Amino acid sequence: MAHHDQKIATMLDDTLATLGGGAPSTTPDDGVNLIQEWIGVVRSNVSTQWVAEPLEKLRDAINANNIREVERLLYDLSGETIDLANNAAEGDYKQGLQNLSTALKDFAQGLAK
């Protein structure tokens, strides 16, 4: 379990770093690879398996270069992420999920420009 927890912590850090660079510094391939990793992580836990579907839609929208759909899905994922954070026990990545929600929203806003 410790390995799984470390992987999630590392992925949260990597995702925040990727999103923090903003849309101009992130390639579509970077995004797709990161999303694919997250799909594997969320599928491994029954309580987060439902997150795989919106992540798959986001991956497909990026691959199709559909910027408006990517923007919409990022906003949706931001809302779903804050819900996960609000329902997480203290210490269960609560702060990381809150930060991720903000980063997703900020990244989507950068796409809208």
N, C-alpha and C. Protein backbone atom coordinates (compact mmCIF):
# COMPACT_ATOMS: atom_id res chain seq x y z
N MET A 1 0.82 -1.19 0.00
CA MET A 1 0.00 0.00 0.00
C MET A 1 0.86 1.25 0.00
N ALA A 2 2.01 1.20 0.67
CA ALA A 2 2.88 2.37 0.74
C ALA A 2 3.36 2.77 -0.65
N HIS A 3 3.65 1.78 -1.50
CA HIS A 3 4.07 2.08 -2.87
C HIS A 3 2.96 2.80 -3.63
N HIS A 4 1.73 2.34 -3.48
CA HIS A 4 0.59 2.96 -4.14
C HIS A 4 0.42 4.40 -3.65
N ASP A 5 0.52 4.61 -2.35
CA ASP A 5 0.40 5.96 -1.79
C ASP A 5 1.50 6.87 -2.32
N GLN A 6 2.71 6.34 -2.41
CA GLN A 6 3.83 7.15 -2.92
C GLN A 6 3.60 7.50 -4.38
N LYS A 7 3.07 6.55 -5.16
CA LYS A 7 2.79 6.82 -6.58
C LYS A 7 1.77 7.93 -6.71
N ILE A 8 0.72 7.89 -5.91
CA ILE A 8 -0.30 8.94 -5.97
C ILE A 8 0.30 10.29 -5.59
N ALA A 9 1.09 10.32 -4.53
CA ALA A 9 1.72 11.57 -4.10
C ALA A 9 2.63 12.12 -5.20
N THR A 10 3.40 11.25 -5.83
CA THR A 10 4.29 11.67 -6.91
C THR A 10 3.49 12.17 -8.10
N MET A 11 2.42 11.47 -8.44
CA MET A 11 1.60 11.89 -9.57
C MET A 11 0.91 13.22 -9.30
N LEU A 12 0.45 13.43 -8.07
CA LEU A 12 -0.13 14.73 -7.73
C LEU A 12 0.90 15.83 -7.94
N ASP A 13 2.11 15.61 -7.45
CA ASP A 13 3.18 16.61 -7.63
C ASP A 13 3.48 16.84 -9.11
N ASP A 14 3.60 15.76 -9.87
CA ASP A 14 3.89 15.87 -11.31
C ASP A 14 2.77 16.60 -12.05
N THR A 15 1.54 16.28 -11.69
CA THR A 15 0.39 16.90 -12.35
C THR A 15 0.34 18.39 -12.03
N LEU A 16 0.55 18.73 -10.77
CA LEU A 16 0.55 20.14 -10.38
C LEU A 16 1.68 20.89 -11.08
N ALA A 17 2.84 20.28 -11.22
CA ALA A 17 3.96 20.92 -11.92
C ALA A 17 3.63 21.11 -13.40
N THR A 18 3.03 20.10 -14.01
CA THR A 18 2.67 20.18 -15.43
C THR A 18 1.63 21.26 -15.65
N LEU A 19 0.58 21.24 -14.85
CA LEU A 19 -0.48 22.24 -15.01
C LEU A 19 0.00 23.63 -14.61
N GLY A 20 0.90 23.71 -13.65
CA GLY A 20 1.39 25.00 -13.19
C GLY A 20 2.19 25.74 -14.24
N GLY A 21 2.74 25.01 -15.21
CA GLY A 21 3.48 25.64 -16.29
C GLY A 21 2.56 26.34 -17.28
N GLY A 22 1.28 26.03 -17.21
CA GLY A 22 0.31 26.64 -18.11
C GLY A 22 0.25 25.95 -19.45
N ALA A 23 -0.77 26.28 -20.20
CA ALA A 23 -1.01 25.65 -21.49
C ALA A 23 0.17 25.79 -22.46
N PRO A 24 0.84 26.94 -22.54
CA PRO A 24 1.92 27.08 -23.52
C PRO A 24 3.09 26.11 -23.32
N SER A 25 3.37 25.71 -22.08
CA SER A 25 4.53 24.87 -21.83
C SER A 25 4.19 23.38 -21.75
N THR A 26 2.94 23.02 -21.94
CA THR A 26 2.52 21.63 -21.84
C THR A 26 2.11 21.13 -23.22
N THR A 27 2.73 20.04 -23.66
CA THR A 27 2.37 19.49 -24.96
C THR A 27 1.17 18.56 -24.81
N PRO A 28 0.43 18.36 -25.89
CA PRO A 28 -0.67 17.39 -25.83
C PRO A 28 -0.19 16.00 -25.41
N ASP A 29 0.98 15.60 -25.89
CA ASP A 29 1.51 14.28 -25.51
C ASP A 29 1.78 14.20 -24.01
N ASP A 30 2.29 15.30 -23.42
CA ASP A 30 2.49 15.33 -21.96
C ASP A 30 1.17 15.08 -21.25
N GLY A 31 0.14 15.78 -21.71
CA GLY A 31 -1.17 15.65 -21.08
C GLY A 31 -1.74 14.25 -21.22
N VAL A 32 -1.66 13.70 -22.42
CA VAL A 32 -2.21 12.36 -22.67
C VAL A 32 -1.48 11.32 -21.81
N ASN A 33 -0.17 11.42 -21.73
CA ASN A 33 0.60 10.45 -20.93
C ASN A 33 0.23 10.55 -19.45
N LEU A 34 0.10 11.76 -18.95
CA LEU A 34 -0.26 11.96 -17.56
C LEU A 34 -1.67 11.43 -17.28
N ILE A 35 -2.58 11.73 -18.19
CA ILE A 35 -3.96 11.26 -18.03
C ILE A 35 -4.01 9.73 -18.04
N GLN A 36 -3.24 9.12 -18.93
CA GLN A 36 -3.23 7.66 -19.00
C GLN A 36 -2.75 7.06 -17.69
N GLU A 37 -1.74 7.69 -17.07
CA GLU A 37 -1.28 7.21 -15.76
C GLU A 37 -2.39 7.34 -14.72
N TRP A 38 -3.09 8.47 -14.73
CA TRP A 38 -4.17 8.68 -13.76
C TRP A 38 -5.30 7.67 -13.96
N ILE A 39 -5.59 7.34 -15.21
CA ILE A 39 -6.64 6.35 -15.47
C ILE A 39 -6.29 5.04 -14.78
N GLY A 40 -5.03 4.62 -14.88
CA GLY A 40 -4.59 3.40 -14.20
C GLY A 40 -4.73 3.49 -12.70
N VAL A 41 -4.40 4.65 -12.14
CA VAL A 41 -4.49 4.83 -10.68
C VAL A 41 -5.94 4.79 -10.22
N VAL A 42 -6.81 5.54 -10.88
CA VAL A 42 -8.20 5.60 -10.40
C VAL A 42 -8.93 4.28 -10.60
N ARG A 43 -8.55 3.53 -11.61
CA ARG A 43 -9.17 2.21 -11.82
C ARG A 43 -8.77 1.21 -10.73
N SER A 44 -7.65 1.47 -10.06
CA SER A 44 -7.16 0.51 -9.06
C SER A 44 -7.88 0.62 -7.72
N ASN A 45 -8.76 1.60 -7.57
CA ASN A 45 -9.48 1.79 -6.31
C ASN A 45 -10.97 1.88 -6.62
N VAL A 46 -11.75 1.02 -6.00
CA VAL A 46 -13.18 0.96 -6.30
C VAL A 46 -13.88 2.30 -6.04
N SER A 47 -13.39 3.07 -5.08
CA SER A 47 -14.06 4.34 -4.76
C SER A 47 -13.74 5.45 -5.75
N THR A 48 -12.74 5.23 -6.64
CA THR A 48 -12.41 6.27 -7.62
C THR A 48 -12.54 5.79 -9.06
N GLN A 49 -13.02 4.57 -9.26
CA GLN A 49 -13.12 4.03 -10.62
C GLN A 49 -13.98 4.90 -11.53
N TRP A 50 -14.97 5.57 -10.97
CA TRP A 50 -15.87 6.40 -11.76
C TRP A 50 -15.13 7.57 -12.42
N VAL A 51 -13.97 7.95 -11.91
CA VAL A 51 -13.21 9.08 -12.46
C VAL A 51 -12.55 8.69 -13.79
N ALA A 52 -12.42 7.40 -14.06
CA ALA A 52 -11.77 6.96 -15.30
C ALA A 52 -12.51 7.47 -16.53
N GLU A 53 -13.84 7.46 -16.50
CA GLU A 53 -14.60 7.86 -17.69
C GLU A 53 -14.35 9.32 -18.09
N PRO A 54 -14.46 10.29 -17.16
CA PRO A 54 -14.16 11.67 -17.58
C PRO A 54 -12.69 11.85 -18.00
N LEU A 55 -11.79 11.09 -17.39
CA LEU A 55 -10.39 11.17 -17.81
C LEU A 55 -10.21 10.63 -19.22
N GLU A 56 -10.91 9.55 -19.55
CA GLU A 56 -10.84 9.01 -20.91
C GLU A 56 -11.41 10.00 -21.92
N LYS A 57 -12.48 10.68 -21.56
CA LYS A 57 -13.05 11.71 -22.45
C LYS A 57 -12.06 12.85 -22.65
N LEU A 58 -11.38 13.25 -21.59
CA LEU A 58 -10.38 14.31 -21.69
C LEU A 58 -9.23 13.87 -22.59
N ARG A 59 -8.74 12.66 -22.39
CA ARG A 59 -7.66 12.12 -23.23
C ARG A 59 -8.08 12.14 -24.70
N ASP A 60 -9.31 11.69 -24.98
CA ASP A 60 -9.79 11.63 -26.36
C ASP A 60 -9.94 13.02 -26.96
N ALA A 61 -10.40 13.99 -26.16
CA ALA A 61 -10.55 15.36 -26.65
C ALA A 61 -9.18 15.97 -26.96
N ILE A 62 -8.19 15.67 -26.14
CA ILE A 62 -6.83 16.16 -26.41
C ILE A 62 -6.31 15.54 -27.70
N ASN A 63 -6.49 14.24 -27.85
CA ASN A 63 -6.04 13.56 -29.07
C ASN A 63 -6.73 14.10 -30.32
N ALA A 64 -7.98 14.54 -30.18
CA ALA A 64 -8.74 15.10 -31.30
C ALA A 64 -8.46 16.59 -31.49
N ASN A 65 -7.63 17.17 -30.62
CA ASN A 65 -7.31 18.59 -30.66
C ASN A 65 -8.56 19.47 -30.55
N ASN A 66 -9.52 19.02 -29.75
CA ASN A 66 -10.78 19.74 -29.54
C ASN A 66 -10.62 20.61 -28.28
N ILE A 67 -10.08 21.81 -28.47
CA ILE A 67 -9.72 22.68 -27.35
C ILE A 67 -10.93 23.05 -26.51
N ARG A 68 -12.06 23.36 -27.13
CA ARG A 68 -13.25 23.75 -26.36
C ARG A 68 -13.73 22.60 -25.48
N GLU A 69 -13.68 21.38 -26.00
CA GLU A 69 -14.09 20.22 -25.21
C GLU A 69 -13.08 19.96 -24.09
N VAL A 70 -11.80 20.12 -24.37
CA VAL A 70 -10.77 19.98 -23.33
C VAL A 70 -11.04 20.98 -22.22
N GLU A 71 -11.31 22.22 -22.59
CA GLU A 71 -11.60 23.26 -21.60
C GLU A 71 -12.80 22.87 -20.73
N ARG A 72 -13.88 22.44 -21.37
CA ARG A 72 -15.09 22.06 -20.63
C ARG A 72 -14.82 20.89 -19.69
N LEU A 73 -14.11 19.88 -20.19
CA LEU A 73 -13.82 18.70 -19.38
C LEU A 73 -12.89 19.04 -18.20
N LEU A 74 -11.95 19.96 -18.41
CA LEU A 74 -11.08 20.38 -17.31
C LEU A 74 -11.89 21.06 -16.21
N TYR A 75 -12.84 21.92 -16.61
CA TYR A 75 -13.71 22.55 -15.61
C TYR A 75 -14.51 21.49 -14.86
N ASP A 76 -15.06 20.52 -15.61
CA ASP A 76 -15.83 19.44 -14.97
C ASP A 76 -14.96 18.64 -13.99
N LEU A 77 -13.75 18.30 -14.43
CA LEU A 77 -12.85 17.54 -13.56
C LEU A 77 -12.43 18.35 -12.34
N SER A 78 -12.32 19.65 -12.50
CA SER A 78 -12.00 20.50 -11.36
C SER A 78 -13.09 20.38 -10.30
N GLY A 79 -14.35 20.41 -10.73
CA GLY A 79 -15.46 20.26 -9.80
C GLY A 79 -15.50 18.88 -9.15
N GLU A 80 -15.24 17.85 -9.95
CA GLU A 80 -15.25 16.48 -9.42
C GLU A 80 -14.08 16.28 -8.45
N THR A 81 -12.96 16.92 -8.74
CA THR A 81 -11.79 16.80 -7.87
C THR A 81 -12.02 17.47 -6.53
N ILE A 82 -12.67 18.62 -6.54
CA ILE A 82 -12.94 19.29 -5.26
C ILE A 82 -13.95 18.47 -4.46
N ASP A 83 -14.88 17.81 -5.13
CA ASP A 83 -15.80 16.91 -4.43
C ASP A 83 -15.03 15.76 -3.76
N LEU A 84 -14.07 15.18 -4.49
CA LEU A 84 -13.24 14.12 -3.90
C LEU A 84 -12.48 14.66 -2.70
N ALA A 85 -11.94 15.86 -2.83
CA ALA A 85 -11.18 16.46 -1.72
C ALA A 85 -12.07 16.70 -0.51
N ASN A 86 -13.27 17.21 -0.76
CA ASN A 86 -14.18 17.51 0.35
C ASN A 86 -14.64 16.24 1.07
N ASN A 87 -14.67 15.12 0.35
CA ASN A 87 -15.10 13.86 0.94
C ASN A 87 -13.94 13.02 1.47
N ALA A 88 -12.72 13.46 1.22
CA ALA A 88 -11.55 12.71 1.68
C ALA A 88 -11.33 12.94 3.17
N ALA A 89 -10.84 11.90 3.82
CA ALA A 89 -10.46 12.05 5.22
C ALA A 89 -9.25 12.98 5.29
N GLU A 90 -9.11 13.67 6.38
CA GLU A 90 -7.97 14.57 6.54
C GLU A 90 -6.68 13.77 6.34
N GLY A 91 -5.82 14.26 5.51
CA GLY A 91 -4.57 13.57 5.24
C GLY A 91 -4.61 12.67 4.01
N ASP A 92 -5.80 12.29 3.56
CA ASP A 92 -5.92 11.43 2.37
C ASP A 92 -5.84 12.27 1.10
N TYR A 93 -4.72 12.93 0.93
CA TYR A 93 -4.49 13.76 -0.26
C TYR A 93 -5.45 14.94 -0.34
N LYS A 94 -6.10 15.29 0.77
CA LYS A 94 -7.10 16.35 0.78
C LYS A 94 -6.53 17.65 0.20
N GLN A 95 -5.40 18.10 0.73
CA GLN A 95 -4.81 19.35 0.26
C GLN A 95 -4.34 19.23 -1.19
N GLY A 96 -3.74 18.10 -1.53
CA GLY A 96 -3.28 17.89 -2.90
C GLY A 96 -4.43 17.91 -3.89
N LEU A 97 -5.56 17.31 -3.52
CA LEU A 97 -6.73 17.32 -4.40
C LEU A 97 -7.32 18.73 -4.52
N GLN A 98 -7.32 19.47 -3.43
CA GLN A 98 -7.79 20.86 -3.49
C GLN A 98 -6.90 21.67 -4.43
N ASN A 99 -5.60 21.49 -4.30
CA ASN A 99 -4.66 22.19 -5.19
C ASN A 99 -4.84 21.76 -6.64
N LEU A 100 -5.08 20.47 -6.85
CA LEU A 100 -5.29 19.96 -8.19
C LEU A 100 -6.55 20.56 -8.80
N SER A 101 -7.61 20.66 -8.03
CA SER A 101 -8.85 21.26 -8.52
C SER A 101 -8.60 22.69 -9.00
N THR A 102 -7.88 23.46 -8.21
CA THR A 102 -7.56 24.84 -8.58
C THR A 102 -6.69 24.88 -9.84
N ALA A 103 -5.70 23.99 -9.91
CA ALA A 103 -4.81 23.96 -11.07
C ALA A 103 -5.56 23.58 -12.35
N LEU A 104 -6.49 22.63 -12.25
CA LEU A 104 -7.31 22.25 -13.42
C LEU A 104 -8.13 23.43 -13.91
N LYS A 105 -8.74 24.14 -12.97
CA LYS A 105 -9.56 25.30 -13.33
C LYS A 105 -8.70 26.40 -13.95
N ASP A 106 -7.56 26.67 -13.34
CA ASP A 106 -6.66 27.70 -13.87
C ASP A 106 -6.15 27.34 -15.26
N PHE A 107 -5.83 26.07 -15.47
CA PHE A 107 -5.35 25.62 -16.77
C PHE A 107 -6.46 25.79 -17.82
N ALA A 108 -7.68 25.43 -17.46
CA ALA A 108 -8.82 25.60 -18.38
C ALA A 108 -9.01 27.07 -18.73
N GLN A 109 -8.87 27.94 -17.74
CA GLN A 109 -8.99 29.38 -18.00
C GLN A 109 -7.91 29.84 -18.98
N GLY A 110 -6.71 29.26 -18.87
CA GLY A 110 -5.63 29.60 -19.80
C GLY A 110 -5.95 29.18 -21.22
N LEU A 111 -6.68 28.08 -21.38
CA LEU A 111 -7.08 27.63 -22.71
C LEU A 111 -8.12 28.55 -23.32
N ALA A 112 -8.92 29.18 -22.49
CA ALA A 112 -10.01 30.02 -22.97
C ALA A 112 -9.50 31.32 -23.59
N LYS A 113 -8.25 31.65 -23.32
CA LYS A 113 -7.69 32.92 -23.82
C LYS A 113 -7.28 32.81 -25.26
